N, C-alpha and C. Protein backbone atom coordinates (compact mmCIF):
# COMPACT_ATOMS: atom_id res chain seq x y z
N MET A 1 0.90 -1.35 0.09
CA MET A 1 -0.14 -0.15 0.07
C MET A 1 0.88 1.28 0.10
N SER A 2 0.40 2.22 -0.79
CA SER A 2 1.41 3.48 -1.02
C SER A 2 1.04 4.21 0.34
N GLU A 3 1.99 5.38 0.23
CA GLU A 3 1.73 6.18 1.43
C GLU A 3 0.30 7.07 1.23
N ALA A 4 0.10 7.30 0.07
CA ALA A 4 -1.39 8.11 -0.39
C ALA A 4 -2.54 7.34 -0.32
N GLU A 5 -2.32 5.88 -0.26
CA GLU A 5 -3.05 4.88 0.03
C GLU A 5 -3.69 4.76 1.60
N ASP A 6 -2.41 5.10 2.37
CA ASP A 6 -2.55 5.02 3.92
C ASP A 6 -3.39 6.04 4.25
N LEU A 7 -3.29 7.18 3.59
CA LEU A 7 -3.90 8.61 4.14
C LEU A 7 -5.48 8.65 3.48
N ALA A 8 -5.72 7.59 3.04
CA ALA A 8 -7.17 7.60 2.55
C ALA A 8 -8.14 7.14 3.68
N ILE A 9 -9.40 8.13 3.75
CA ILE A 9 -10.61 8.04 4.94
C ILE A 9 -11.01 6.59 4.62
N GLN A 10 -11.29 5.77 5.32
CA GLN A 10 -12.06 4.39 5.39
C GLN A 10 -13.30 4.72 5.92
N ASP A 11 -13.55 5.45 7.05
CA ASP A 11 -14.91 5.37 8.00
C ASP A 11 -15.06 6.82 8.20
N THR A 12 -16.06 7.51 8.05
CA THR A 12 -15.99 9.07 8.48
C THR A 12 -17.15 8.86 9.86
N THR A 13 -17.43 7.97 9.97
CA THR A 13 -18.73 7.61 11.03
C THR A 13 -18.03 8.67 12.42
N GLY A 14 -18.87 9.56 12.74
CA GLY A 14 -18.67 10.26 13.90
C GLY A 14 -17.56 11.20 13.97
N LEU A 15 -17.29 11.61 12.92
CA LEU A 15 -16.01 12.51 12.89
C LEU A 15 -16.75 13.89 12.86
N THR A 16 -15.87 14.76 13.72
CA THR A 16 -16.32 15.99 14.17
C THR A 16 -15.52 17.03 13.14
N ASP A 17 -16.02 18.23 12.86
CA ASP A 17 -14.99 19.15 12.43
C ASP A 17 -13.87 19.21 12.83
N ALA A 18 -13.60 19.28 14.07
CA ALA A 18 -12.12 19.45 14.80
C ALA A 18 -11.19 18.12 14.24
N ASP A 19 -12.08 16.98 14.11
CA ASP A 19 -11.29 15.81 13.34
C ASP A 19 -11.04 15.92 12.26
N TRP A 20 -11.91 16.59 11.44
CA TRP A 20 -11.52 16.68 10.14
C TRP A 20 -10.39 17.64 9.75
N ALA A 21 -10.30 18.87 10.81
CA ALA A 21 -9.11 19.61 10.95
C ALA A 21 -7.69 19.06 11.00
N GLU A 22 -8.04 17.92 12.10
CA GLU A 22 -6.37 17.32 12.22
C GLU A 22 -6.31 16.19 11.05
N ILE A 23 -7.27 15.71 10.26
CA ILE A 23 -6.93 14.81 9.17
C ILE A 23 -6.40 16.07 8.32
N ASN A 24 -6.90 16.90 8.09
CA ASN A 24 -6.49 17.75 7.13
C ASN A 24 -4.72 18.27 7.24
N LYS A 25 -4.66 18.67 8.57
CA LYS A 25 -3.05 18.48 9.15
C LYS A 25 -2.25 17.39 8.76
N LEU A 26 -2.77 16.42 9.07
CA LEU A 26 -1.99 15.17 8.54
C LEU A 26 -1.84 15.00 7.16
N ARG A 27 -2.68 15.32 6.11
CA ARG A 27 -2.38 15.14 4.79
C ARG A 27 -1.39 16.44 4.33
N ASN A 28 -1.57 17.47 5.04
CA ASN A 28 -0.81 18.76 4.76
C ASN A 28 0.93 18.08 5.00
N ALA A 29 0.86 17.78 6.23
CA ALA A 29 2.23 16.91 6.87
C ALA A 29 2.86 16.07 5.87
N HIS A 30 2.09 15.35 5.11
CA HIS A 30 2.55 14.49 4.51
C HIS A 30 2.89 14.87 3.17
N LYS A 31 2.15 16.01 2.62
CA LYS A 31 2.58 16.77 1.31
C LYS A 31 3.97 17.39 1.36
N LYS A 32 4.21 18.14 2.61
CA LYS A 32 5.38 18.70 3.00
C LYS A 32 6.62 18.21 3.34
N GLY A 33 6.09 16.96 4.05
CA GLY A 33 7.51 16.21 4.64
C GLY A 33 7.39 14.68 4.56
N GLY A 34 6.38 14.37 3.93
CA GLY A 34 6.26 12.56 3.90
C GLY A 34 5.87 11.71 5.38
N ALA A 35 6.06 10.83 4.98
CA ALA A 35 5.79 9.48 6.05
C ALA A 35 6.33 10.29 7.67
N LYS A 36 7.52 10.69 7.42
CA LYS A 36 8.15 10.99 8.88
C LYS A 36 7.31 12.40 9.56
N ALA A 37 7.04 13.29 8.56
CA ALA A 37 6.31 14.45 9.29
C ALA A 37 4.84 14.07 9.71
N VAL A 38 4.35 12.96 8.86
CA VAL A 38 2.75 12.47 9.56
C VAL A 38 3.05 11.72 10.80
N GLY A 39 4.21 11.17 11.01
CA GLY A 39 4.60 10.55 12.06
C GLY A 39 4.85 11.42 13.11
N ARG A 40 5.41 12.47 13.22
CA ARG A 40 5.70 13.24 14.09
C ARG A 40 4.15 14.11 14.43
N ALA A 41 3.47 14.33 13.21
CA ALA A 41 2.11 14.91 13.72
C ALA A 41 1.17 14.06 14.45
N MET A 42 1.31 12.97 14.02
CA MET A 42 0.42 11.97 14.90
C MET A 42 0.90 11.48 16.29
N GLN A 43 2.13 11.73 16.42
CA GLN A 43 2.73 11.40 17.88
C GLN A 43 2.27 12.78 18.60
N GLN A 44 2.31 13.92 18.08
CA GLN A 44 1.45 15.24 18.89
C GLN A 44 0.27 15.12 19.05
N LEU A 45 -0.35 15.05 18.16
CA LEU A 45 -1.93 14.48 18.38
C LEU A 45 -2.22 13.74 19.30
N ALA A 46 -1.55 12.51 19.46
CA ALA A 46 -1.59 11.35 20.48
C ALA A 46 -1.38 11.96 22.00
N LYS A 47 -0.26 12.86 21.77
CA LYS A 47 -0.32 13.53 23.02
C LYS A 47 -1.06 14.74 23.62
N ASP A 48 -1.36 15.36 22.58
CA ASP A 48 -2.43 16.39 22.89
C ASP A 48 -3.55 15.86 23.19
N ASP A 49 -4.15 15.11 22.39
CA ASP A 49 -5.59 15.00 22.59
C ASP A 49 -5.78 13.39 22.30
N PRO A 50 -5.58 12.49 23.00
CA PRO A 50 -5.66 10.91 22.91
C PRO A 50 -6.96 10.49 22.40
N VAL A 51 -8.36 11.28 22.85
CA VAL A 51 -9.44 10.83 22.32
C VAL A 51 -9.63 11.06 20.68
N ARG A 52 -9.31 12.30 20.33
CA ARG A 52 -9.42 12.79 18.88
C ARG A 52 -8.32 11.72 18.00
N TYR A 53 -7.40 11.35 18.47
CA TYR A 53 -6.18 10.46 18.10
C TYR A 53 -6.85 9.25 17.69
N VAL A 54 -7.40 8.68 18.71
CA VAL A 54 -8.39 7.43 18.44
C VAL A 54 -9.13 7.60 17.07
N ARG A 55 -10.19 8.66 17.33
CA ARG A 55 -10.95 8.79 16.04
C ARG A 55 -10.28 9.35 14.70
N VAL A 56 -9.26 10.11 14.74
CA VAL A 56 -8.72 10.09 13.70
C VAL A 56 -8.25 9.02 12.76
N ILE A 57 -7.15 8.23 13.79
CA ILE A 57 -6.63 7.12 13.32
C ILE A 57 -7.76 6.20 12.87
N GLY A 58 -8.82 5.99 13.56
CA GLY A 58 -9.88 4.91 12.85
C GLY A 58 -10.52 5.38 11.80
N ALA A 59 -10.60 6.53 11.58
CA ALA A 59 -10.96 6.84 9.98
C ALA A 59 -10.07 6.43 9.05
N PHE A 60 -8.80 6.43 9.49
CA PHE A 60 -7.83 5.83 8.44
C PHE A 60 -7.71 4.30 8.38
N TYR A 61 -7.96 3.67 9.83
CA TYR A 61 -7.74 2.27 9.90
C TYR A 61 -8.71 1.63 10.86
N PRO A 62 -10.21 1.61 10.32
CA PRO A 62 -11.09 1.47 11.30
C PRO A 62 -10.94 -0.11 11.96
N ASP A 63 -10.38 -1.07 10.92
CA ASP A 63 -10.43 -2.18 11.35
C ASP A 63 -9.54 -2.39 12.48
N MET A 64 -8.33 -2.09 12.31
CA MET A 64 -6.95 -2.03 13.42
C MET A 64 -7.44 -1.41 14.57
N ILE A 65 -8.21 -0.09 14.59
CA ILE A 65 -8.32 0.31 15.94
C ILE A 65 -9.26 -0.44 16.65
N ARG A 66 -10.48 -0.87 15.95
CA ARG A 66 -11.61 -2.11 16.51
C ARG A 66 -10.69 -3.07 17.27
N GLU A 67 -9.83 -3.71 16.39
CA GLU A 67 -9.30 -4.94 17.00
C GLU A 67 -8.40 -4.56 18.24
N GLU A 68 -7.64 -3.26 17.97
CA GLU A 68 -6.99 -2.57 19.42
C GLU A 68 -7.60 -2.66 20.45
N ILE A 69 -8.80 -1.92 20.28
CA ILE A 69 -9.62 -1.61 21.39
C ILE A 69 -10.08 -3.11 22.12
N LYS A 70 -10.50 -4.11 21.42
CA LYS A 70 -11.16 -5.22 21.74
C LYS A 70 -10.05 -5.86 22.49
N ASP A 71 -8.76 -5.93 21.78
CA ASP A 71 -7.57 -6.63 22.55
C ASP A 71 -7.15 -5.91 23.85
N SER A 72 -7.42 -4.75 23.95
CA SER A 72 -7.11 -3.83 25.19
C SER A 72 -7.92 -4.24 26.42
N MET A 73 -9.45 -4.25 25.62
CA MET A 73 -10.34 -4.46 26.87
C MET A 73 -10.18 -6.07 27.27
N ALA A 74 -10.25 -6.97 26.23
CA ALA A 74 -9.49 -8.37 26.87
C ALA A 74 -8.84 -8.65 27.77
N GLU A 75 -7.53 -7.96 27.45
CA GLU A 75 -6.44 -7.69 28.49
C GLU A 75 -7.05 -7.07 29.78
N ARG A 76 -7.88 -6.31 29.99
CA ARG A 76 -8.36 -5.88 31.26
C ARG A 76 -9.61 -6.71 31.86
N GLY A 77 -10.17 -7.80 30.87
CA GLY A 77 -11.22 -8.43 31.59
C GLY A 77 -12.26 -7.77 31.13
N ILE A 78 -12.61 -6.94 30.43
CA ILE A 78 -13.69 -6.27 30.07
C ILE A 78 -14.30 -6.98 28.78
N THR A 79 -15.71 -7.15 28.80
CA THR A 79 -16.26 -7.69 27.71
C THR A 79 -17.29 -6.64 26.92
N GLU A 80 -17.67 -7.29 25.79
CA GLU A 80 -18.50 -6.06 25.08
C GLU A 80 -19.95 -5.92 26.29
N GLU A 81 -20.32 -6.90 26.61
CA GLU A 81 -21.58 -7.07 27.36
C GLU A 81 -21.26 -6.09 28.41
N ASP A 82 -20.10 -6.07 29.20
CA ASP A 82 -19.81 -4.99 30.06
C ASP A 82 -20.04 -3.58 29.78
N ILE A 83 -19.58 -3.41 28.49
CA ILE A 83 -19.73 -2.18 28.11
C ILE A 83 -20.98 -1.68 27.71
N ARG A 84 -22.00 -2.66 27.35
CA ARG A 84 -23.51 -2.41 26.99
C ARG A 84 -24.01 -2.07 28.22
N GLU A 85 -23.71 -2.96 29.23
CA GLU A 85 -24.39 -2.74 30.46
C GLU A 85 -24.07 -1.14 31.16
N ILE A 86 -22.82 -0.85 30.92
CA ILE A 86 -22.53 0.40 31.36
C ILE A 86 -23.11 1.43 30.79
N LEU A 87 -23.41 1.38 29.57
CA LEU A 87 -23.94 2.30 28.59
C LEU A 87 -25.73 2.31 29.06
N GLN A 88 -26.24 1.14 29.28
CA GLN A 88 -27.38 1.09 29.56
C GLN A 88 -27.64 1.92 31.17
N ASN A 89 -26.59 1.41 31.84
CA ASN A 89 -27.09 2.11 33.26
C ASN A 89 -26.77 3.85 33.19
N ALA A 90 -26.25 4.13 32.36
CA ALA A 90 -25.80 5.52 31.89
C ALA A 90 -26.97 6.12 31.23
N GLU A 91 -27.65 5.38 30.71
CA GLU A 91 -28.93 5.76 29.68
C GLU A 91 -30.15 6.17 30.85
N GLN A 92 -30.02 5.04 31.64
CA GLN A 92 -30.94 5.14 32.56
C GLN A 92 -31.02 6.21 33.92
N GLU A 93 -29.80 6.29 34.03
CA GLU A 93 -29.25 7.58 35.04
C GLU A 93 -29.53 8.84 34.36
N LEU A 94 -29.34 9.03 33.08
CA LEU A 94 -29.64 10.22 32.48
C LEU A 94 -31.07 10.49 32.33
N GLU A 95 -32.05 9.58 31.88
CA GLU A 95 -33.25 9.48 32.06
C GLU A 95 -34.16 9.89 33.20
N SER A 96 -33.34 9.19 34.23
CA SER A 96 -33.94 9.47 35.63
C SER A 96 -33.66 11.03 36.24
N VAL A 97 -32.42 11.61 35.73
CA VAL A 97 -32.13 12.90 35.83
C VAL A 97 -32.91 13.98 35.13
N SER A 98 -32.87 13.84 33.59
CA SER A 98 -33.87 14.68 32.83
C SER A 98 -35.33 14.56 32.95
N GLY A 99 -35.74 13.19 33.43
CA GLY A 99 -37.23 13.04 33.48
C GLY A 99 -38.00 12.57 32.27
N THR A 100 -36.97 12.53 31.26
CA THR A 100 -37.35 12.10 29.82
C THR A 100 -37.15 10.91 29.34
N LYS A 101 -37.77 10.23 28.44
CA LYS A 101 -37.04 9.18 27.67
C LYS A 101 -37.03 9.31 26.41
N HIS A 102 -35.67 8.63 25.85
CA HIS A 102 -35.15 8.90 24.56
C HIS A 102 -35.36 7.77 23.62
């Protein structure tokens, strides 16, 4: 796979305007300095905003990010069912606070 193919967006789900700004910074870094410049920009993004880093990298490599997250969860003994339960509890708590159902 060429460097240009590596910077192709695979999944735009959930990207914010700020995420797109970071994607454009990475593309500009690539144009100006190639793979090394992209690597430095990614390292800086990971340091400055780890959550945005995951979303941006997930746009380029969605399957890889999904697998990394699953592996990391498994190492900690967290299952998908645990996450579903946490989300369900959070939704119920939100409903009780707001007094509305979504």
